[in-house]
């Protein structure tokens, strides 16, 4: 029974490390081009950004607690670590050559084939199904970036 507890804890630690690496990577991505605008990612937008990891952590903690593998104090500690990571500030950096998500990922404009504007997000489309990038920011917050993108295209 202890092996399942260890495996569960390792998987949860890996998920927390992935979240932390997206917010604060070991190595900063080089951001080429001239910065057009920097848009902060607000708390609820970060929750949307991490939604798949948060769902996996919630399911793992719930099933671990219900099955008796995890104690209450361990689940509380997991929730505290998760909230601390979600509260770390993040930003989108829009440049003349692409967009940087946080400090870890930079994607050039040439990768995208189109753009969809939705009320609370911008979807940068890619020819492949898995290549799109969803930016959880209101289009009004990056209005001059969208104008600049139209002039570049």
C-alpha atoms as a PDB file:
ATOM      1  CA  UNK A   1       0.000   0.000   0.000  1.00  0.00           C
ATOM      2  CA  UNK A   2       2.913   2.360   0.653  1.00  0.00           C
ATOM      3  CA  UNK A   3       4.059   2.083  -2.970  1.00  0.00           C
ATOM      4  CA  UNK A   4       0.786   3.648  -4.174  1.00  0.00           C
ATOM      5  CA  UNK A   5       1.227   6.528  -1.755  1.00  0.00           C
ATOM      6  CA  UNK A   6       4.774   7.130  -3.002  1.00  0.00           C
ATOM      7  CA  UNK A   7       3.696   6.966  -6.657  1.00  0.00           C
ATOM      8  CA  UNK A   8       0.803   9.364  -5.965  1.00  0.00           C
ATOM      9  CA  UNK A   9       3.084  11.824  -4.187  1.00  0.00           C
ATOM     10  CA  UNK A  10       5.672  11.680  -6.974  1.00  0.00           C
ATOM     11  CA  UNK A  11       3.012  12.397  -9.606  1.00  0.00           C
ATOM     12  CA  UNK A  12       1.644  15.327  -7.593  1.00  0.00           C
ATOM     13  CA  UNK A  13       5.152  16.731  -7.067  1.00  0.00           C
ATOM     14  CA  UNK A  14       5.800  16.465 -10.824  1.00  0.00           C
ATOM     15  CA  UNK A  15       2.579  18.390 -11.554  1.00  0.00           C
ATOM     16  CA  UNK A  16       3.586  21.102  -9.073  1.00  0.00           C
ATOM     17  CA  UNK A  17       7.038  21.300 -10.670  1.00  0.00           C
ATOM     18  CA  UNK A  18       5.481  21.722 -14.132  1.00  0.00           C
ATOM     19  CA  UNK A  19       3.330  24.572 -12.805  1.00  0.00           C
ATOM     20  CA  UNK A  20       6.323  26.220 -11.177  1.00  0.00           C
ATOM     21  CA  UNK A  21       8.462  25.808 -14.313  1.00  0.00           C
ATOM     22  CA  UNK A  22       5.820  27.638 -16.357  1.00  0.00           C
ATOM     23  CA  UNK A  23       5.733  30.526 -13.885  1.00  0.00           C
ATOM     24  CA  UNK A  24       9.427  30.697 -12.930  1.00  0.00           C
ATOM     25  CA  UNK A  25      11.711  28.682 -15.246  1.00  0.00           C
ATOM     26  CA  UNK A  26      15.343  27.932 -14.469  1.00  0.00           C
ATOM     27  CA  UNK A  27      16.370  29.551 -17.730  1.00  0.00           C
ATOM     28  CA  UNK A  28      14.664  32.651 -19.099  1.00  0.00           C
ATOM     29  CA  UNK A  29      13.575  32.507 -22.745  1.00  0.00           C
ATOM     30  CA  UNK A  30      15.306  34.965 -25.039  1.00  0.00           C
ATOM     31  CA  UNK A  31      12.748  37.399 -26.343  1.00  0.00           C
ATOM     32  CA  UNK A  32      13.776  38.646 -29.793  1.00  0.00           C
ATOM     33  CA  UNK A  33      12.383  41.776 -31.376  1.00  0.00           C
ATOM     34  CA  UNK A  34      11.227  45.095 -30.031  1.00  0.00           C
ATOM     35  CA  UNK A  35       8.746  44.939 -27.160  1.00  0.00           C
ATOM     36  CA  UNK A  36       5.337  46.271 -28.205  1.00  0.00           C
ATOM     37  CA  UNK A  37       3.431  45.689 -24.972  1.00  0.00           C
ATOM     38  CA  UNK A  38       3.588  43.727 -21.744  1.00  0.00           C
ATOM     39  CA  UNK A  39       0.222  42.464 -20.464  1.00  0.00           C
ATOM     40  CA  UNK A  40      -0.040  41.021 -16.951  1.00  0.00           C
ATOM     41  CA  UNK A  41      -1.907  37.754 -16.485  1.00  0.00           C
ATOM     42  CA  UNK A  42      -4.489  38.268 -13.746  1.00  0.00           C
ATOM     43  CA  UNK A  43      -5.345  35.666 -11.086  1.00  0.00           C
ATOM     44  CA  UNK A  44      -8.413  34.167 -12.812  1.00  0.00           C
ATOM     45  CA  UNK A  45      -6.570  34.146 -16.115  1.00  0.00           C
ATOM     46  CA  UNK A  46      -3.732  32.191 -14.458  1.00  0.00           C
ATOM     47  CA  UNK A  47      -6.331  29.754 -13.104  1.00  0.00           C
ATOM     48  CA  UNK A  48      -7.539  29.242 -16.688  1.00  0.00           C
ATOM     49  CA  UNK A  49      -3.927  28.905 -17.872  1.00  0.00           C
ATOM     50  CA  UNK A  50      -3.283  26.116 -15.323  1.00  0.00           C
ATOM     51  CA  UNK A  51      -6.765  24.559 -15.516  1.00  0.00           C
ATOM     52  CA  UNK A  52      -5.710  21.085 -16.708  1.00  0.00           C
ATOM     53  CA  UNK A  53      -2.994  20.777 -14.060  1.00  0.00           C
ATOM     54  CA  UNK A  54      -5.336  22.119 -11.360  1.00  0.00           C
ATOM     55  CA  UNK A  55      -7.968  19.549 -12.321  1.00  0.00           C
ATOM     56  CA  UNK A  56      -5.406  16.734 -12.177  1.00  0.00           C
ATOM     57  CA  UNK A  57      -4.152  17.920  -8.776  1.00  0.00           C
ATOM     58  CA  UNK A  58      -7.696  18.202  -7.418  1.00  0.00           C
ATOM     59  CA  UNK A  59      -8.594  14.711  -8.614  1.00  0.00           C
ATOM     60  CA  UNK A  60      -5.353  13.242  -7.251  1.00  0.00           C
ATOM     61  CA  UNK A  61      -5.796  14.905  -3.855  1.00  0.00           C
ATOM     62  CA  UNK A  62      -9.464  13.923  -3.639  1.00  0.00           C
ATOM     63  CA  UNK A  63      -8.909  10.294  -4.619  1.00  0.00           C
ATOM     64  CA  UNK A  64      -5.838  10.074  -2.379  1.00  0.00           C
ATOM     65  CA  UNK A  65      -7.781  11.433   0.598  1.00  0.00           C
ATOM     66  CA  UNK A  66     -10.888   9.307  -0.007  1.00  0.00           C
ATOM     67  CA  UNK A  67      -8.814   6.148  -0.395  1.00  0.00           C
ATOM     68  CA  UNK A  68      -6.861   6.923   2.777  1.00  0.00           C
ATOM     69  CA  UNK A  69      -3.477   7.253   1.069  1.00  0.00           C
ATOM     70  CA  UNK A  70      -3.125  10.940   1.973  1.00  0.00           C
ATOM     71  CA  UNK A  71      -3.698  12.628   5.316  1.00  0.00           C
ATOM     72  CA  UNK A  72      -5.620  15.864   5.804  1.00  0.00           C
ATOM     73  CA  UNK A  73      -2.423  17.771   6.529  1.00  0.00           C
ATOM     74  CA  UNK A  74      -0.857  16.535   3.290  1.00  0.00           C
ATOM     75  CA  UNK A  75      -3.884  17.679   1.269  1.00  0.00           C
ATOM     76  CA  UNK A  76      -3.841  21.092   2.987  1.00  0.00           C
ATOM     77  CA  UNK A  77      -0.129  21.417   2.226  1.00  0.00           C
ATOM     78  CA  UNK A  78      -0.809  20.518  -1.433  1.00  0.00           C
ATOM     79  CA  UNK A  79      -3.529  23.178  -1.657  1.00  0.00           C
ATOM     80  CA  UNK A  80      -1.212  25.792  -0.112  1.00  0.00           C
ATOM     81  CA  UNK A  81       1.625  25.003  -2.546  1.00  0.00           C
ATOM     82  CA  UNK A  82      -0.788  25.089  -5.486  1.00  0.00           C
ATOM     83  CA  UNK A  83      -2.251  28.448  -4.460  1.00  0.00           C
ATOM     84  CA  UNK A  84       1.224  29.872  -3.929  1.00  0.00           C
ATOM     85  CA  UNK A  85       2.244  28.882  -7.464  1.00  0.00           C
ATOM     86  CA  UNK A  86      -0.979  30.242  -8.995  1.00  0.00           C
ATOM     87  CA  UNK A  87      -0.419  33.539  -7.165  1.00  0.00           C
ATOM     88  CA  UNK A  88       3.043  34.036  -8.712  1.00  0.00           C
ATOM     89  CA  UNK A  89       2.862  36.941 -11.178  1.00  0.00           C
ATOM     90  CA  UNK A  90       3.045  36.131 -14.886  1.00  0.00           C
ATOM     91  CA  UNK A  91       2.883  38.253 -18.006  1.00  0.00           C
ATOM     92  CA  UNK A  92       2.590  38.116 -21.770  1.00  0.00           C
ATOM     93  CA  UNK A  93       5.283  40.000 -23.646  1.00  0.00           C
ATOM     94  CA  UNK A  94       4.304  40.966 -27.180  1.00  0.00           C
ATOM     95  CA  UNK A  95       7.184  41.838 -29.509  1.00  0.00           C
ATOM     96  CA  UNK A  96       7.546  42.601 -33.193  1.00  0.00           C
ATOM     97  CA  UNK A  97       8.676  38.998 -33.736  1.00  0.00           C
ATOM     98  CA  UNK A  98       6.319  37.018 -31.483  1.00  0.00           C
ATOM     99  CA  UNK A  99       4.788  36.520 -28.069  1.00  0.00           C
ATOM    100  CA  UNK A 100       6.391  35.301 -24.840  1.00  0.00           C
ATOM    101  CA  UNK A 101       4.244  33.507 -22.284  1.00  0.00           C
ATOM    102  CA  UNK A 102       5.680  34.119 -18.841  1.00  0.00           C
ATOM    103  CA  UNK A 103       9.448  33.790 -18.949  1.00  0.00           C
ATOM    104  CA  UNK A 104       9.610  30.272 -20.338  1.00  0.00           C
ATOM    105  CA  UNK A 105       7.991  30.143 -23.774  1.00  0.00           C
ATOM    106  CA  UNK A 106       8.499  32.322 -26.848  1.00  0.00           C
ATOM    107  CA  UNK A 107       6.481  31.696 -30.020  1.00  0.00           C
ATOM    108  CA  UNK A 108       7.194  33.674 -33.234  1.00  0.00           C
ATOM    109  CA  UNK A 109       4.331  35.187 -35.220  1.00  0.00           C
ATOM    110  CA  UNK A 110       5.344  33.126 -38.264  1.00  0.00           C
ATOM    111  CA  UNK A 111       4.095  29.941 -36.516  1.00  0.00           C
ATOM    112  CA  UNK A 112       0.493  31.137 -36.560  1.00  0.00           C
ATOM    113  CA  UNK A 113      -1.920  31.124 -39.482  1.00  0.00           C
ATOM    114  CA  UNK A 114      -4.769  33.124 -37.961  1.00  0.00           C
ATOM    115  CA  UNK A 115      -6.287  34.742 -34.897  1.00  0.00           C
ATOM    116  CA  UNK A 116      -9.621  34.383 -33.093  1.00  0.00           C
ATOM    117  CA  UNK A 117     -10.783  37.073 -30.700  1.00  0.00           C
ATOM    118  CA  UNK A 118     -13.025  35.859 -27.899  1.00  0.00           C
ATOM    119  CA  UNK A 119     -14.350  37.857 -24.908  1.00  0.00           C
ATOM    120  CA  UNK A 120     -11.685  36.762 -22.404  1.00  0.00           C
ATOM    121  CA  UNK A 121      -9.005  35.232 -24.598  1.00  0.00           C
ATOM    122  CA  UNK A 122      -7.148  35.387 -27.875  1.00  0.00           C
ATOM    123  CA  UNK A 123      -6.524  32.170 -29.799  1.00  0.00           C
ATOM    124  CA  UNK A 124      -3.550  32.207 -32.144  1.00  0.00           C
ATOM    125  CA  UNK A 125      -4.266  29.464 -34.669  1.00  0.00           C
ATOM    126  CA  UNK A 126      -1.676  27.077 -36.032  1.00  0.00           C
ATOM    127  CA  UNK A 127      -2.069  24.806 -39.078  1.00  0.00           C
ATOM    128  CA  UNK A 128      -1.779  21.714 -36.865  1.00  0.00           C
ATOM    129  CA  UNK A 129      -4.537  20.857 -34.396  1.00  0.00           C
ATOM    130  CA  UNK A 130      -2.269  20.906 -31.348  1.00  0.00           C
ATOM    131  CA  UNK A 131      -0.226  23.968 -32.231  1.00  0.00           C
ATOM    132  CA  UNK A 132      -2.634  26.756 -31.317  1.00  0.00           C
ATOM    133  CA  UNK A 133      -1.802  29.113 -28.460  1.00  0.00           C
ATOM    134  CA  UNK A 134      -4.545  30.486 -26.220  1.00  0.00           C
ATOM    135  CA  UNK A 135      -3.715  33.756 -24.496  1.00  0.00           C
ATOM    136  CA  UNK A 136      -5.970  34.403 -21.522  1.00  0.00           C
ATOM    137  CA  UNK A 137      -6.160  38.151 -21.850  1.00  0.00           C
ATOM    138  CA  UNK A 138      -8.953  40.436 -22.940  1.00  0.00           C
ATOM    139  CA  UNK A 139      -8.511  41.751 -26.493  1.00  0.00           C
ATOM    140  CA  UNK A 140      -9.109  45.288 -25.171  1.00  0.00           C
ATOM    141  CA  UNK A 141      -5.996  44.938 -22.960  1.00  0.00           C
ATOM    142  CA  UNK A 142      -3.805  44.341 -26.010  1.00  0.00           C
ATOM    143  CA  UNK A 143      -5.593  46.534 -28.526  1.00  0.00           C
ATOM    144  CA  UNK A 144      -2.455  48.220 -29.867  1.00  0.00           C
ATOM    145  CA  UNK A 145      -0.761  44.803 -30.234  1.00  0.00           C
ATOM    146  CA  UNK A 146      -3.638  43.590 -32.404  1.00  0.00           C
ATOM    147  CA  UNK A 147      -3.417  46.747 -34.539  1.00  0.00           C
ATOM    148  CA  UNK A 148       0.350  46.221 -34.869  1.00  0.00           C
ATOM    149  CA  UNK A 149      -0.163  42.540 -35.814  1.00  0.00           C
ATOM    150  CA  UNK A 150      -2.523  43.559 -38.619  1.00  0.00           C
ATOM    151  CA  UNK A 151       0.084  45.967 -40.004  1.00  0.00           C
ATOM    152  CA  UNK A 152       2.786  43.278 -39.833  1.00  0.00           C
ATOM    153  CA  UNK A 153       0.642  40.715 -41.655  1.00  0.00           C
END
